[in-house]
């Protein structure tokens, strides 16, 4: 099975380096020189890492196949994949492809479905499309997401009060609309 490990962002400099959105917990292993990625959403079908370095909290990659800024710009938005059959799975975590499309439940009530996993330095966020059609970001921590049941097709959540209403434009669940009036 293929696993997305990064998405190429904007070019950095004139020599073909690119920023990447890292979607793996082990970037130092995944982006070592010589690693080859399958590419989706781009004209090139594979990319070989030539160099990797951090600029503050942004990973910059150089690929053998990208020689200049124009080539880097052409790759913007491309998705980088590895074959998970080659990866040892000794973690207790989940991959995004395992979580997407699972039901999001609070007690016995379906409140939406998982549409993405956003990885971060401090914590990961589950992106939930609520039954009302809103996008809700749920911290992927054990106190809020105590159960992930892949086989059962759901994730059980115990969100803090108002989490699913906090950013609603109609102001449901908050007094934000009253304060603006």
N, C-alpha and C. Protein backbone atom coordinates (compact mmCIF):
# COMPACT_ATOMS: atom_id res chain seq x y z
N UNK A 1 0.83 -1.17 0.00
CA UNK A 1 0.00 0.00 0.00
C UNK A 1 0.89 1.25 0.00
N UNK A 2 0.44 2.26 -0.72
CA UNK A 2 1.19 3.50 -0.77
C UNK A 2 0.79 4.40 0.39
N UNK A 3 1.78 5.12 0.92
CA UNK A 3 1.55 6.03 2.03
C UNK A 3 2.13 7.39 1.68
N UNK A 4 1.31 8.42 1.79
CA UNK A 4 1.80 9.77 1.52
C UNK A 4 2.64 10.23 2.70
N UNK A 5 3.88 10.70 2.42
CA UNK A 5 4.78 11.17 3.47
C UNK A 5 5.04 12.67 3.41
N UNK A 6 4.67 13.32 2.30
CA UNK A 6 4.91 14.76 2.18
C UNK A 6 4.13 15.33 1.01
N UNK A 7 4.01 16.66 1.03
CA UNK A 7 3.46 17.41 -0.09
C UNK A 7 4.42 18.55 -0.37
N UNK A 8 4.79 18.71 -1.62
CA UNK A 8 5.74 19.75 -1.98
C UNK A 8 5.07 21.12 -1.94
N UNK A 9 5.77 22.06 -1.33
CA UNK A 9 5.28 23.43 -1.23
C UNK A 9 6.01 24.32 -2.22
N UNK A 10 6.31 25.53 -1.79
CA UNK A 10 6.90 26.52 -2.69
C UNK A 10 8.41 26.30 -2.85
N UNK A 11 8.97 26.83 -3.94
CA UNK A 11 10.41 26.74 -4.15
C UNK A 11 11.16 27.55 -3.09
N UNK A 12 12.41 27.18 -2.85
CA UNK A 12 13.27 27.91 -1.92
C UNK A 12 14.60 28.16 -2.63
N UNK A 13 14.86 29.40 -2.96
CA UNK A 13 16.09 29.73 -3.66
C UNK A 13 15.99 29.45 -5.15
N UNK A 14 17.15 29.47 -5.82
CA UNK A 14 17.17 29.31 -7.28
C UNK A 14 17.71 27.97 -7.75
N UNK A 15 18.13 27.11 -6.82
CA UNK A 15 18.77 25.85 -7.20
C UNK A 15 17.85 24.63 -7.13
N UNK A 16 16.54 24.86 -7.06
CA UNK A 16 15.61 23.74 -7.12
C UNK A 16 15.15 23.18 -5.80
N UNK A 17 15.59 23.74 -4.68
CA UNK A 17 15.11 23.25 -3.40
C UNK A 17 13.63 23.61 -3.24
N UNK A 18 12.92 22.77 -2.49
CA UNK A 18 11.50 23.00 -2.23
C UNK A 18 11.21 22.85 -0.74
N UNK A 19 10.19 23.57 -0.29
CA UNK A 19 9.68 23.32 1.05
C UNK A 19 8.72 22.14 0.95
N UNK A 20 8.57 21.41 2.05
CA UNK A 20 7.61 20.30 2.05
C UNK A 20 6.78 20.33 3.32
N UNK A 21 5.52 19.93 3.17
CA UNK A 21 4.67 19.69 4.33
C UNK A 21 4.93 18.23 4.72
N UNK A 22 5.51 18.03 5.87
CA UNK A 22 5.90 16.69 6.32
C UNK A 22 4.68 15.97 6.89
N UNK A 23 4.44 14.75 6.42
CA UNK A 23 3.31 13.95 6.87
C UNK A 23 3.77 12.62 7.46
N UNK A 24 4.95 12.63 8.08
CA UNK A 24 5.51 11.43 8.68
C UNK A 24 6.11 11.78 10.03
N UNK A 25 6.14 10.82 10.92
CA UNK A 25 6.73 11.05 12.25
C UNK A 25 8.24 10.90 12.25
N UNK A 26 8.81 10.42 11.16
CA UNK A 26 10.25 10.17 11.11
C UNK A 26 10.89 10.82 9.88
N UNK A 27 10.86 12.16 9.80
CA UNK A 27 11.40 12.81 8.61
C UNK A 27 12.89 12.56 8.40
N UNK A 28 13.65 12.41 9.49
CA UNK A 28 15.10 12.17 9.35
C UNK A 28 15.39 10.83 8.67
N UNK A 29 14.49 9.87 8.80
CA UNK A 29 14.66 8.57 8.14
C UNK A 29 14.08 8.60 6.72
N UNK A 30 12.92 9.19 6.56
CA UNK A 30 12.22 9.19 5.27
C UNK A 30 12.90 10.03 4.20
N UNK A 31 13.55 11.13 4.60
CA UNK A 31 14.08 12.08 3.63
C UNK A 31 15.60 12.07 3.57
N UNK A 32 16.20 10.91 3.78
CA UNK A 32 17.66 10.77 3.71
C UNK A 32 18.09 10.76 2.24
N UNK A 33 19.28 11.27 1.95
CA UNK A 33 19.78 11.24 0.57
C UNK A 33 19.73 9.83 -0.02
N UNK A 34 19.26 9.75 -1.25
CA UNK A 34 19.12 8.47 -1.94
C UNK A 34 17.73 7.87 -1.88
N UNK A 35 16.87 8.36 -0.95
CA UNK A 35 15.50 7.86 -0.87
C UNK A 35 14.74 8.26 -2.13
N UNK A 36 13.94 7.33 -2.64
CA UNK A 36 13.16 7.58 -3.86
C UNK A 36 11.68 7.56 -3.51
N UNK A 37 10.95 8.56 -4.02
CA UNK A 37 9.52 8.68 -3.77
C UNK A 37 8.74 8.55 -5.06
N UNK A 38 7.57 7.92 -4.96
CA UNK A 38 6.61 7.97 -6.06
C UNK A 38 5.92 9.32 -5.96
N UNK A 39 5.63 9.92 -7.10
CA UNK A 39 5.04 11.26 -7.12
C UNK A 39 3.67 11.22 -7.76
N UNK A 40 2.74 11.96 -7.16
CA UNK A 40 1.38 12.09 -7.70
C UNK A 40 1.11 13.57 -7.91
N UNK A 41 0.31 13.89 -8.90
CA UNK A 41 -0.08 15.27 -9.22
C UNK A 41 1.10 16.08 -9.77
N UNK A 42 1.94 15.45 -10.59
CA UNK A 42 3.08 16.15 -11.20
C UNK A 42 3.50 15.41 -12.46
N UNK A 43 4.32 16.08 -13.29
CA UNK A 43 4.79 15.46 -14.52
C UNK A 43 5.85 14.40 -14.24
N UNK A 44 6.68 14.59 -13.23
CA UNK A 44 7.67 13.57 -12.86
C UNK A 44 6.99 12.49 -12.03
N UNK A 45 7.36 11.24 -12.25
CA UNK A 45 6.71 10.14 -11.54
C UNK A 45 7.50 9.64 -10.35
N UNK A 46 8.81 9.96 -10.30
CA UNK A 46 9.64 9.62 -9.14
C UNK A 46 10.59 10.77 -8.86
N UNK A 47 10.99 10.89 -7.59
CA UNK A 47 11.97 11.89 -7.18
C UNK A 47 12.96 11.23 -6.23
N UNK A 48 14.23 11.57 -6.38
CA UNK A 48 15.30 11.03 -5.54
C UNK A 48 15.87 12.15 -4.67
N UNK A 49 15.86 11.94 -3.36
CA UNK A 49 16.37 12.95 -2.44
C UNK A 49 17.89 13.09 -2.63
N UNK A 50 18.29 14.33 -2.83
CA UNK A 50 19.72 14.63 -2.95
C UNK A 50 20.23 15.30 -1.67
N UNK A 51 19.35 16.02 -1.01
CA UNK A 51 19.73 16.68 0.24
C UNK A 51 18.50 17.10 1.01
N UNK A 52 18.66 17.17 2.33
CA UNK A 52 17.57 17.59 3.21
C UNK A 52 18.16 18.44 4.32
N UNK A 53 17.49 19.55 4.63
CA UNK A 53 17.94 20.40 5.73
C UNK A 53 16.74 21.14 6.29
N UNK A 54 16.88 21.52 7.54
CA UNK A 54 15.82 22.27 8.21
C UNK A 54 16.17 23.75 8.20
N UNK A 55 15.20 24.58 7.89
CA UNK A 55 15.30 26.04 8.00
C UNK A 55 14.24 26.43 9.02
N UNK A 56 14.66 26.59 10.26
CA UNK A 56 13.75 26.78 11.40
C UNK A 56 12.88 25.52 11.49
N UNK A 57 11.58 25.63 11.28
CA UNK A 57 10.71 24.46 11.39
C UNK A 57 10.24 23.96 10.04
N UNK A 58 10.89 24.40 8.96
CA UNK A 58 10.48 24.03 7.61
C UNK A 58 11.55 23.11 7.02
N UNK A 59 11.12 21.97 6.51
CA UNK A 59 12.04 21.05 5.86
C UNK A 59 12.22 21.46 4.41
N UNK A 60 13.48 21.60 4.01
CA UNK A 60 13.83 21.91 2.62
C UNK A 60 14.46 20.67 2.02
N UNK A 61 13.99 20.30 0.83
CA UNK A 61 14.53 19.13 0.14
C UNK A 61 15.09 19.53 -1.22
N UNK A 62 16.18 18.88 -1.58
CA UNK A 62 16.74 18.99 -2.92
C UNK A 62 16.60 17.61 -3.56
N UNK A 63 16.12 17.60 -4.80
CA UNK A 63 15.95 16.35 -5.53
C UNK A 63 16.85 16.34 -6.75
N UNK A 64 17.36 15.18 -7.09
CA UNK A 64 18.25 15.05 -8.25
C UNK A 64 17.56 15.48 -9.54
N UNK A 65 16.26 15.29 -9.61
CA UNK A 65 15.51 15.57 -10.83
C UNK A 65 15.07 17.03 -10.97
N UNK A 66 15.19 17.82 -9.91
CA UNK A 66 14.77 19.23 -9.94
C UNK A 66 16.02 20.09 -9.90
N UNK A 67 16.31 20.79 -11.00
CA UNK A 67 17.58 21.49 -11.13
C UNK A 67 17.52 22.98 -10.88
N UNK A 68 16.33 23.59 -10.96
CA UNK A 68 16.25 25.04 -10.81
C UNK A 68 14.90 25.44 -10.24
N UNK A 69 14.74 26.75 -10.03
CA UNK A 69 13.51 27.27 -9.42
C UNK A 69 12.28 26.97 -10.29
N UNK A 70 12.42 27.05 -11.61
CA UNK A 70 11.29 26.75 -12.49
C UNK A 70 10.84 25.31 -12.33
N UNK A 71 11.79 24.40 -12.25
CA UNK A 71 11.45 22.99 -12.02
C UNK A 71 10.78 22.78 -10.68
N UNK A 72 11.27 23.52 -9.67
CA UNK A 72 10.68 23.43 -8.33
C UNK A 72 9.26 23.97 -8.33
N UNK A 73 9.04 25.08 -9.02
CA UNK A 73 7.69 25.67 -9.08
C UNK A 73 6.72 24.72 -9.78
N UNK A 74 7.19 24.00 -10.78
CA UNK A 74 6.33 23.06 -11.50
C UNK A 74 5.90 21.89 -10.63
N UNK A 75 6.64 21.62 -9.55
CA UNK A 75 6.32 20.49 -8.66
C UNK A 75 5.44 20.89 -7.48
N UNK A 76 5.13 22.18 -7.36
CA UNK A 76 4.33 22.65 -6.23
C UNK A 76 3.02 21.88 -6.15
N UNK A 77 2.70 21.40 -4.97
CA UNK A 77 1.46 20.65 -4.75
C UNK A 77 1.57 19.15 -4.98
N UNK A 78 2.71 18.70 -5.52
CA UNK A 78 2.88 17.26 -5.77
C UNK A 78 2.92 16.50 -4.45
N UNK A 79 2.39 15.30 -4.45
CA UNK A 79 2.36 14.45 -3.26
C UNK A 79 3.44 13.38 -3.38
N UNK A 80 4.16 13.15 -2.29
CA UNK A 80 5.24 12.16 -2.26
C UNK A 80 4.79 10.94 -1.47
N UNK A 81 5.00 9.76 -2.08
CA UNK A 81 4.55 8.50 -1.48
C UNK A 81 5.69 7.51 -1.34
N UNK A 82 5.54 6.61 -0.35
CA UNK A 82 6.40 5.44 -0.22
C UNK A 82 5.51 4.22 -0.24
N UNK A 83 6.11 3.06 -0.45
CA UNK A 83 5.38 1.80 -0.40
C UNK A 83 5.43 1.31 1.04
N UNK A 84 4.29 1.17 1.70
CA UNK A 84 4.27 0.79 3.12
C UNK A 84 4.68 -0.65 3.34
N UNK A 85 4.70 -1.47 2.30
CA UNK A 85 5.16 -2.84 2.46
C UNK A 85 6.64 -2.88 2.84
N UNK A 86 7.37 -1.81 2.50
CA UNK A 86 8.79 -1.74 2.81
C UNK A 86 9.06 -1.12 4.17
N UNK A 87 8.02 -0.66 4.84
CA UNK A 87 8.18 0.03 6.11
C UNK A 87 7.77 -0.88 7.26
N UNK A 88 8.64 -0.99 8.27
CA UNK A 88 8.29 -1.76 9.46
C UNK A 88 7.28 -0.96 10.27
N UNK A 89 6.22 -1.61 10.70
CA UNK A 89 5.19 -0.93 11.47
C UNK A 89 5.31 -1.32 12.93
N UNK A 90 6.11 -0.54 13.69
CA UNK A 90 6.26 -0.82 15.11
C UNK A 90 5.65 0.30 15.95
N UNK A 91 4.90 1.16 15.33
CA UNK A 91 4.32 2.28 16.05
C UNK A 91 2.92 1.92 16.54
N UNK A 92 2.44 2.73 17.46
CA UNK A 92 1.08 2.55 17.96
C UNK A 92 0.15 3.55 17.31
N UNK A 93 0.61 4.30 16.32
CA UNK A 93 -0.17 5.33 15.68
C UNK A 93 -0.92 4.82 14.47
N UNK A 94 -1.55 5.77 13.78
CA UNK A 94 -2.32 5.44 12.59
C UNK A 94 -1.87 6.31 11.44
N UNK A 95 -2.00 5.78 10.26
CA UNK A 95 -1.74 6.55 9.05
C UNK A 95 -3.02 7.26 8.64
N UNK A 96 -2.85 8.37 7.93
CA UNK A 96 -4.01 9.15 7.49
C UNK A 96 -4.98 8.30 6.69
N UNK A 97 -4.45 7.47 5.78
CA UNK A 97 -5.35 6.68 4.93
C UNK A 97 -6.19 5.69 5.74
N UNK A 98 -5.75 5.34 6.95
CA UNK A 98 -6.54 4.45 7.80
C UNK A 98 -7.69 5.19 8.48
N UNK A 99 -7.52 6.49 8.68
CA UNK A 99 -8.50 7.27 9.43
C UNK A 99 -9.55 7.95 8.55
N UNK A 100 -9.17 8.32 7.34
CA UNK A 100 -10.08 9.04 6.45
C UNK A 100 -11.31 8.18 6.16
N UNK A 101 -12.46 8.81 6.23
CA UNK A 101 -13.78 8.22 6.00
C UNK A 101 -14.35 7.45 7.19
N UNK A 102 -13.63 7.40 8.32
CA UNK A 102 -14.21 6.80 9.52
C UNK A 102 -15.27 7.75 10.07
N UNK A 103 -16.32 7.18 10.69
CA UNK A 103 -17.33 7.99 11.36
C UNK A 103 -16.71 8.63 12.60
N UNK A 104 -17.07 9.87 12.87
CA UNK A 104 -16.70 10.53 14.11
C UNK A 104 -17.93 10.45 15.01
N UNK A 105 -17.77 9.83 16.18
CA UNK A 105 -18.90 9.64 17.09
C UNK A 105 -18.63 10.30 18.44
N UNK A 106 -19.67 10.83 19.02
CA UNK A 106 -19.67 11.28 20.40
C UNK A 106 -20.75 10.45 21.08
N UNK A 107 -20.33 9.59 22.00
CA UNK A 107 -21.21 8.58 22.59
C UNK A 107 -21.75 7.72 21.44
N UNK A 108 -23.07 7.61 21.29
CA UNK A 108 -23.65 6.80 20.21
C UNK A 108 -24.06 7.64 19.00
N UNK A 109 -23.79 8.95 19.05
CA UNK A 109 -24.24 9.86 18.00
C UNK A 109 -23.13 10.11 16.98
N UNK A 110 -23.45 9.94 15.70
CA UNK A 110 -22.51 10.25 14.63
C UNK A 110 -22.53 11.77 14.43
N UNK A 111 -21.35 12.39 14.60
CA UNK A 111 -21.27 13.86 14.47
C UNK A 111 -20.57 14.28 13.18
N UNK A 112 -20.06 13.31 12.42
CA UNK A 112 -19.39 13.64 11.17
C UNK A 112 -18.52 12.50 10.69
N UNK A 113 -17.60 12.83 9.76
CA UNK A 113 -16.65 11.83 9.29
C UNK A 113 -15.27 12.47 9.18
N UNK A 114 -14.26 11.65 9.33
CA UNK A 114 -12.87 12.11 9.26
C UNK A 114 -12.52 12.33 7.79
N UNK A 115 -11.97 13.52 7.48
CA UNK A 115 -11.58 13.83 6.10
C UNK A 115 -10.08 13.96 5.93
N UNK A 116 -9.35 14.16 7.04
CA UNK A 116 -7.89 14.31 6.93
C UNK A 116 -7.26 14.24 8.32
N UNK A 117 -5.95 14.11 8.32
CA UNK A 117 -5.13 14.17 9.53
C UNK A 117 -4.07 15.22 9.28
N UNK A 118 -4.01 16.23 10.12
CA UNK A 118 -3.00 17.28 10.00
C UNK A 118 -1.96 17.05 11.09
N UNK A 119 -0.74 16.75 10.68
CA UNK A 119 0.32 16.50 11.65
C UNK A 119 0.96 17.82 12.04
N UNK A 120 1.36 17.91 13.29
CA UNK A 120 1.98 19.12 13.80
C UNK A 120 3.13 18.78 14.73
N UNK A 121 3.89 19.80 15.09
CA UNK A 121 5.03 19.60 15.99
C UNK A 121 4.58 19.23 17.39
N UNK A 122 3.51 19.84 17.86
CA UNK A 122 3.05 19.63 19.22
C UNK A 122 2.02 18.51 19.28
N UNK A 123 1.03 18.56 18.40
CA UNK A 123 0.01 17.52 18.37
C UNK A 123 -0.59 17.44 16.98
N UNK A 124 -1.22 16.33 16.71
CA UNK A 124 -1.90 16.15 15.44
C UNK A 124 -3.36 16.55 15.60
N UNK A 125 -3.98 16.90 14.47
CA UNK A 125 -5.38 17.28 14.46
C UNK A 125 -6.15 16.40 13.48
N UNK A 126 -7.29 15.91 13.92
CA UNK A 126 -8.20 15.23 13.01
C UNK A 126 -9.08 16.28 12.38
N UNK A 127 -9.27 16.20 11.08
CA UNK A 127 -10.18 17.11 10.39
C UNK A 127 -11.48 16.34 10.20
N UNK A 128 -12.54 16.90 10.78
CA UNK A 128 -13.85 16.25 10.75
C UNK A 128 -14.81 17.11 9.95
N UNK A 129 -15.50 16.50 9.00
CA UNK A 129 -16.61 17.19 8.33
C UNK A 129 -17.84 16.84 9.13
N UNK A 130 -18.40 17.85 9.81
CA UNK A 130 -19.56 17.60 10.67
C UNK A 130 -20.78 17.27 9.82
N UNK A 131 -21.82 16.75 10.47
CA UNK A 131 -23.05 16.43 9.74
C UNK A 131 -23.69 17.69 9.18
N UNK A 132 -23.36 18.86 9.74
CA UNK A 132 -23.86 20.14 9.21
C UNK A 132 -23.02 20.64 8.04
N UNK A 133 -21.91 19.95 7.75
CA UNK A 133 -21.06 20.33 6.63
C UNK A 133 -19.90 21.24 7.02
N UNK A 134 -19.74 21.54 8.30
CA UNK A 134 -18.63 22.37 8.77
C UNK A 134 -17.36 21.54 8.90
N UNK A 135 -16.22 22.21 8.78
CA UNK A 135 -14.93 21.55 9.00
C UNK A 135 -14.50 21.86 10.44
N UNK A 136 -14.24 20.81 11.22
CA UNK A 136 -13.87 20.95 12.62
C UNK A 136 -12.53 20.27 12.84
N UNK A 137 -11.64 20.98 13.54
CA UNK A 137 -10.33 20.42 13.88
C UNK A 137 -10.37 19.90 15.30
N UNK A 138 -10.09 18.60 15.46
CA UNK A 138 -10.16 17.96 16.76
C UNK A 138 -8.75 17.51 17.15
N UNK A 139 -8.25 17.98 18.31
CA UNK A 139 -6.94 17.52 18.76
C UNK A 139 -6.92 16.00 18.88
N UNK A 140 -5.92 15.37 18.25
CA UNK A 140 -5.83 13.91 18.25
C UNK A 140 -5.01 13.47 19.46
N UNK A 141 -5.63 13.64 20.63
CA UNK A 141 -5.02 13.25 21.90
C UNK A 141 -5.95 12.29 22.61
N UNK A 142 -5.39 11.43 23.45
CA UNK A 142 -6.17 10.36 24.06
C UNK A 142 -7.34 10.86 24.91
N UNK A 143 -7.19 12.01 25.54
CA UNK A 143 -8.27 12.51 26.38
C UNK A 143 -9.49 12.94 25.56
N UNK A 144 -9.30 13.31 24.29
CA UNK A 144 -10.41 13.72 23.44
C UNK A 144 -10.80 12.61 22.45
N UNK A 145 -9.84 11.78 22.08
CA UNK A 145 -10.09 10.66 21.16
C UNK A 145 -9.65 9.37 21.86
N UNK A 146 -10.49 8.86 22.76
CA UNK A 146 -10.09 7.68 23.53
C UNK A 146 -10.13 6.36 22.77
N UNK A 147 -10.83 6.32 21.62
CA UNK A 147 -10.94 5.05 20.90
C UNK A 147 -10.91 5.28 19.39
N UNK A 148 -10.03 4.53 18.73
CA UNK A 148 -9.99 4.47 17.27
C UNK A 148 -10.29 3.02 16.92
N UNK A 149 -11.40 2.79 16.25
CA UNK A 149 -11.81 1.44 15.89
C UNK A 149 -11.85 1.33 14.37
N UNK A 150 -10.71 0.97 13.79
CA UNK A 150 -10.59 0.87 12.34
C UNK A 150 -11.57 -0.19 11.80
N UNK A 151 -11.58 -1.36 12.45
CA UNK A 151 -12.44 -2.45 11.99
C UNK A 151 -13.91 -2.07 12.09
N UNK A 152 -14.29 -1.35 13.14
CA UNK A 152 -15.67 -0.93 13.33
C UNK A 152 -16.05 0.28 12.50
N UNK A 153 -15.06 0.96 11.94
CA UNK A 153 -15.34 2.09 11.05
C UNK A 153 -15.65 3.39 11.76
N UNK A 154 -15.16 3.56 12.99
CA UNK A 154 -15.47 4.80 13.71
C UNK A 154 -14.33 5.23 14.64
N UNK A 155 -14.41 6.49 15.02
CA UNK A 155 -13.55 7.06 16.05
C UNK A 155 -14.48 7.63 17.11
N UNK A 156 -14.26 7.23 18.35
CA UNK A 156 -15.06 7.73 19.46
C UNK A 156 -14.36 8.96 20.04
N UNK A 157 -15.13 10.03 20.21
CA UNK A 157 -14.58 11.29 20.73
C UNK A 157 -15.31 11.73 21.98
N UNK A 158 -14.58 12.42 22.84
CA UNK A 158 -15.17 13.07 24.01
C UNK A 158 -14.70 14.53 23.97
N UNK A 159 -15.23 15.30 23.01
CA UNK A 159 -14.75 16.67 22.82
C UNK A 159 -15.21 17.60 23.94
N UNK A 160 -14.44 18.64 24.20
CA UNK A 160 -14.90 19.64 25.17
C UNK A 160 -16.18 20.30 24.65
N UNK A 161 -16.99 20.76 25.56
CA UNK A 161 -18.25 21.40 25.19
C UNK A 161 -17.99 22.56 24.22
N UNK A 162 -18.76 22.58 23.13
CA UNK A 162 -18.67 23.67 22.16
C UNK A 162 -17.67 23.47 21.05
N UNK A 163 -16.86 22.41 21.08
CA UNK A 163 -15.84 22.23 20.05
C UNK A 163 -16.44 22.18 18.65
N UNK A 164 -17.57 21.54 18.50
CA UNK A 164 -18.17 21.42 17.17
C UNK A 164 -18.98 22.66 16.79
N UNK A 165 -19.13 23.62 17.69
CA UNK A 165 -19.87 24.84 17.38
C UNK A 165 -19.01 26.09 17.36
N UNK A 166 -17.78 26.02 17.85
CA UNK A 166 -16.97 27.21 18.12
C UNK A 166 -16.76 28.12 16.91
N UNK A 167 -16.61 27.59 15.72
CA UNK A 167 -16.34 28.41 14.54
C UNK A 167 -17.52 28.51 13.58
N UNK A 168 -18.68 28.14 14.04
CA UNK A 168 -19.85 28.21 13.16
C UNK A 168 -20.22 29.66 12.92
N UNK A 169 -20.53 29.97 11.68
CA UNK A 169 -20.85 31.35 11.31
C UNK A 169 -22.13 31.86 11.94
N UNK A 170 -23.06 30.94 12.25
CA UNK A 170 -24.32 31.38 12.84
C UNK A 170 -24.19 31.67 14.33
N UNK A 171 -22.99 31.40 14.88
CA UNK A 171 -22.74 31.70 16.29
C UNK A 171 -23.28 30.67 17.24
N UNK A 172 -23.78 29.55 16.75
CA UNK A 172 -24.32 28.52 17.63
C UNK A 172 -23.24 28.04 18.57
N UNK A 173 -23.59 27.93 19.81
CA UNK A 173 -22.66 27.41 20.79
C UNK A 173 -21.74 28.47 21.37
N UNK A 174 -21.85 29.72 20.95
CA UNK A 174 -21.01 30.78 21.52
C UNK A 174 -21.78 32.08 21.52
N UNK A 175 -21.24 33.04 22.21
CA UNK A 175 -21.86 34.34 22.27
C UNK A 175 -21.17 35.34 21.35
N UNK A 176 -20.37 34.86 20.41
CA UNK A 176 -19.61 35.73 19.52
C UNK A 176 -20.53 36.63 18.72
N UNK A 177 -21.66 36.12 18.24
CA UNK A 177 -22.57 36.93 17.44
C UNK A 177 -23.20 38.02 18.29
N UNK A 178 -23.48 37.71 19.58
CA UNK A 178 -24.05 38.70 20.46
C UNK A 178 -23.08 39.83 20.75
N UNK A 179 -21.79 39.54 20.85
CA UNK A 179 -20.79 40.54 21.15
C UNK A 179 -20.60 41.53 20.00
N UNK A 180 -20.77 41.05 18.77
CA UNK A 180 -20.58 41.90 17.60
C UNK A 180 -21.77 42.81 17.36
N UNK A 181 -22.93 42.44 17.89
CA UNK A 181 -24.16 43.20 17.64
C UNK A 181 -24.21 44.49 18.42
